Amino acid sequence: MPLPLDFLYDVHHGIIRDIVFLHDSWPWAKGYRVIMSVAADGICKVCTLDGRTLHTADVNYSLNSVAPTPEAYNSTVDDGFSSLVMLGGEHASAYIPDCGIQEELKESGQVPIWKLRYTSNGGQLFSACEEGVVRRYRRWPDHHEFLGELYRHNGDVEDMDISPFDEYLVTASKDRSVGVVRLGSPNHGASEYGELT
């Protein structure tokens, strides 16, 4: 079994809950491959692969998930959309570099959010929570609009992902089930399998 290339130590003092690579267009990257991680102690950090901390934010509540918008940093600002990082834990918060927390989504109440995912164009956000709830939001230039509960598992949702062309959302739950929801037609043409004879 191959060993990791390297380990990064002391990135956080608390339990690290989620980690993502950031596109090199984000302001912290500046020529580096960078990762953003969140921890149970409420700290969000941006680090280089050799462990140098480039940015730290403390949101003062436990964090479980991080989801940056998928576009290159501020490439859609002419359309009114600022790039942001959605942080999930006790609730979800929209974090914008150099501005801080700009919006809080509190539809989950006191129920922790375990996973957040944007669709490939950043137009929709999905949250997966304790108690099995999956919620959908529409992203507008200045806020996220709660569209409603998509569905509910019998146990906590532990993980969630969206297919590359946004056709499906899948969830994994403590109730030992995998939820598969067809979100709609693929955003890049048909993806159904067929055989011509």
Protein backbone atom coordinates (compact mmCIF):
# COMPACT_ATOMS: atom_id res chain seq x y z
CA MET A 1 0.00 0.00 0.00
CA PRO A 2 1.48 3.39 -0.95
CA LEU A 3 2.15 5.88 1.80
CA PRO A 4 1.04 9.51 1.58
CA LEU A 5 3.54 11.92 0.09
CA ASP A 6 3.50 13.92 3.29
CA PHE A 7 1.41 14.67 6.36
CA LEU A 8 0.47 18.14 7.55
CA TYR A 9 0.52 18.38 11.33
CA ASP A 10 -0.94 20.98 13.66
CA VAL A 11 -3.20 22.50 11.01
CA HIS A 12 -6.01 22.64 13.59
CA HIS A 13 -6.27 22.12 17.34
CA GLY A 14 -9.74 20.57 16.96
CA ILE A 15 -11.02 17.65 14.88
CA ILE A 16 -10.76 18.39 11.15
CA ARG A 17 -14.21 17.77 9.65
CA ASP A 18 -13.82 18.65 5.95
CA ILE A 19 -11.19 19.72 3.44
CA VAL A 20 -11.23 20.94 -0.19
CA PHE A 21 -8.80 22.19 -2.79
CA LEU A 22 -9.36 25.82 -3.80
CA HIS A 23 -9.05 26.95 -7.40
CA ASP A 24 -5.79 28.85 -7.97
CA SER A 25 -7.76 32.01 -8.78
CA TRP A 26 -8.74 32.51 -5.11
CA PRO A 27 -6.87 35.44 -3.52
CA TRP A 28 -4.96 33.23 -1.07
CA ALA A 29 -3.51 30.95 -3.76
CA LYS A 30 -1.06 33.32 -5.49
CA GLY A 31 0.77 30.54 -7.31
CA TYR A 32 0.34 27.86 -4.63
CA ARG A 33 -1.88 24.78 -4.54
CA VAL A 34 -4.01 25.50 -1.48
CA ILE A 35 -6.46 23.59 0.65
CA MET A 36 -9.21 24.93 2.85
CA SER A 37 -10.12 22.94 5.95
CA VAL A 38 -12.70 23.37 8.69
CA ALA A 39 -12.62 22.02 12.23
CA ALA A 40 -15.01 21.28 15.05
CA ASP A 41 -13.54 24.22 17.00
CA GLY A 42 -15.01 26.71 14.48
CA ILE A 43 -11.74 27.52 12.70
CA CYS A 44 -11.47 27.62 8.92
CA LYS A 45 -7.93 27.65 7.48
CA VAL A 46 -6.32 28.01 4.08
CA CYS A 47 -2.94 26.24 3.87
CA THR A 48 -0.37 25.39 1.26
CA LEU A 49 0.46 21.73 0.69
CA ASP A 50 3.65 22.17 2.72
CA GLY A 51 1.63 23.34 5.73
CA ARG A 52 2.00 27.13 5.65
CA THR A 53 -1.15 28.86 6.87
CA LEU A 54 -2.24 31.63 4.48
CA HIS A 55 -5.57 32.59 6.04
CA THR A 56 -7.56 31.81 9.18
CA ALA A 57 -11.18 32.61 10.03
CA ASP A 58 -13.00 31.89 13.30
CA VAL A 59 -16.79 31.69 12.96
CA ASN A 60 -17.42 30.99 16.67
CA TYR A 61 -19.43 27.82 16.10
CA SER A 62 -18.55 24.22 15.33
CA LEU A 63 -17.85 23.52 11.62
CA ASN A 64 -18.44 20.27 9.71
CA SER A 65 -18.38 21.18 6.01
CA VAL A 66 -16.88 23.63 3.52
CA ALA A 67 -18.12 24.32 -0.03
CA PRO A 68 -16.55 27.03 -2.20
CA THR A 69 -18.54 28.22 -5.19
CA PRO A 70 -17.27 26.35 -8.27
CA GLU A 71 -16.44 29.25 -10.60
CA ALA A 72 -13.03 30.87 -10.88
CA TYR A 73 -12.77 33.50 -8.16
CA ASN A 74 -15.08 36.46 -8.92
CA SER A 75 -15.35 35.50 -12.60
CA THR A 76 -19.12 36.14 -12.36
CA VAL A 77 -18.88 39.46 -10.51
CA ASP A 78 -20.07 41.31 -13.65
CA ASP A 79 -23.34 39.37 -13.27
CA GLY A 80 -23.56 40.41 -9.61
CA PHE A 81 -22.30 37.13 -8.12
CA SER A 82 -19.35 37.26 -5.71
CA SER A 83 -17.43 34.06 -5.15
CA LEU A 84 -17.87 32.76 -1.64
CA VAL A 85 -17.21 29.83 0.65
CA MET A 86 -20.21 28.29 2.37
CA LEU A 87 -19.32 26.99 5.83
CA GLY A 88 -21.64 24.48 7.50
CA GLY A 89 -21.96 23.38 11.11
CA GLU A 90 -24.51 24.64 13.62
CA HIS A 91 -25.91 26.54 10.61
CA ALA A 92 -24.53 27.63 7.23
CA SER A 93 -22.61 30.87 6.68
CA ALA A 94 -21.49 32.55 3.46
CA TYR A 95 -17.87 33.70 3.87
CA ILE A 96 -16.41 36.18 1.38
CA PRO A 97 -12.66 36.95 1.39
CA ASP A 98 -11.85 40.42 2.76
CA CYS A 99 -15.48 40.82 3.92
CA GLY A 100 -16.09 37.96 6.35
CA ILE A 101 -19.48 36.37 7.04
CA GLN A 102 -22.11 37.98 4.81
CA GLU A 103 -25.12 35.70 5.25
CA GLU A 104 -26.35 33.00 7.62
CA LEU A 105 -28.80 30.27 6.64
CA LYS A 106 -30.68 29.12 9.73
CA GLU A 107 -33.37 26.82 8.27
CA SER A 108 -31.74 23.83 10.02
CA GLY A 109 -32.58 25.30 13.44
CA GLN A 110 -30.49 23.58 16.13
CA VAL A 111 -29.71 20.60 13.85
CA PRO A 112 -26.07 20.50 12.63
CA ILE A 113 -25.26 20.56 8.93
CA TRP A 114 -22.86 17.79 7.92
CA LYS A 115 -22.36 18.43 4.18
CA LEU A 116 -22.79 21.29 1.73
CA ARG A 117 -22.50 21.01 -2.06
CA TYR A 118 -23.00 23.45 -4.94
CA THR A 119 -24.09 22.37 -8.40
CA SER A 120 -21.41 22.69 -11.09
CA ASN A 121 -22.51 26.22 -12.09
CA GLY A 122 -23.00 27.37 -8.48
CA GLY A 123 -26.69 28.13 -9.04
CA GLN A 124 -27.98 25.79 -6.34
CA LEU A 125 -26.74 24.73 -2.93
CA PHE A 126 -27.72 21.55 -1.09
CA SER A 127 -27.29 20.92 2.63
CA ALA A 128 -27.38 17.55 4.40
CA CYS A 129 -28.18 17.61 8.09
CA GLU A 130 -28.48 15.56 11.19
CA GLU A 131 -31.95 13.96 11.45
CA GLY A 132 -31.68 13.02 7.76
CA VAL A 133 -32.86 16.26 6.14
CA VAL A 134 -31.61 17.41 2.72
CA ARG A 135 -32.44 21.03 1.83
CA ARG A 136 -32.18 22.99 -1.41
CA TYR A 137 -31.26 26.67 -1.88
CA ARG A 138 -31.12 28.95 -4.92
CA ARG A 139 -28.08 31.24 -5.10
CA TRP A 140 -28.83 34.86 -5.98
CA PRO A 141 -26.27 37.68 -6.27
CA ASP A 142 -26.79 38.86 -2.69
CA HIS A 143 -28.35 35.89 -0.86
CA HIS A 144 -29.42 32.24 -0.91
CA GLU A 145 -33.15 31.54 -1.15
CA PHE A 146 -34.46 28.50 0.74
CA LEU A 147 -36.45 26.41 -1.76
CA GLY A 148 -37.51 23.69 0.65
CA GLU A 149 -36.75 20.26 1.94
CA LEU A 150 -35.76 17.89 -0.87
CA TYR A 151 -36.23 14.68 1.11
CA ARG A 152 -35.53 13.05 4.45
CA HIS A 153 -33.67 9.90 5.58
CA ASN A 154 -34.56 7.96 8.74
CA GLY A 155 -31.06 8.66 10.14
CA ASP A 156 -28.43 11.39 10.00
CA VAL A 157 -26.97 12.15 6.56
CA GLU A 158 -23.22 11.53 6.75
CA ASP A 159 -22.14 12.38 3.20
CA MET A 160 -23.51 13.85 -0.02
CA ASP A 161 -22.36 14.51 -3.58
CA ILE A 162 -23.70 15.74 -6.92
CA SER A 163 -22.92 14.07 -10.26
CA PRO A 164 -20.57 16.00 -12.59
CA PHE A 165 -23.39 17.15 -14.89
CA ASP A 166 -25.89 17.85 -12.08
CA GLU A 167 -28.32 15.05 -12.96
CA TYR A 168 -28.20 13.29 -9.59
CA LEU A 169 -27.67 13.97 -5.91
CA VAL A 170 -26.61 11.04 -3.71
CA THR A 171 -26.59 10.82 0.07
CA ALA A 172 -25.27 8.29 2.58
CA SER A 173 -27.12 7.95 5.85
CA LYS A 174 -26.72 6.34 9.27
CA ASP A 175 -29.93 4.43 8.46
CA ARG A 176 -27.70 2.34 6.11
CA SER A 177 -29.35 3.66 2.98
CA VAL A 178 -28.11 5.63 0.01
CA GLY A 179 -30.51 8.23 -1.34
CA VAL A 180 -30.43 8.92 -5.07
CA VAL A 181 -32.43 11.87 -6.39
CA ARG A 182 -32.68 12.83 -10.04
CA LEU A 183 -32.29 16.61 -10.05
CA GLY A 184 -33.14 17.06 -13.70
CA SER A 185 -31.72 16.86 -17.17
CA PRO A 186 -27.94 16.96 -17.47
CA ASN A 187 -26.47 20.40 -18.00
CA HIS A 188 -24.28 19.23 -20.93
CA GLY A 189 -26.48 17.05 -23.13
CA ALA A 190 -27.94 13.61 -22.68
CA SER A 191 -26.21 11.06 -20.46
CA GLU A 192 -28.57 8.10 -20.77
CA TYR A 193 -27.10 4.84 -21.98
CA GLY A 194 -28.58 3.23 -25.04
CA GLU A 195 -27.61 0.77 -27.71
CA LEU A 196 -28.23 1.21 -31.40
CA THR A 197 -28.66 -1.91 -33.52
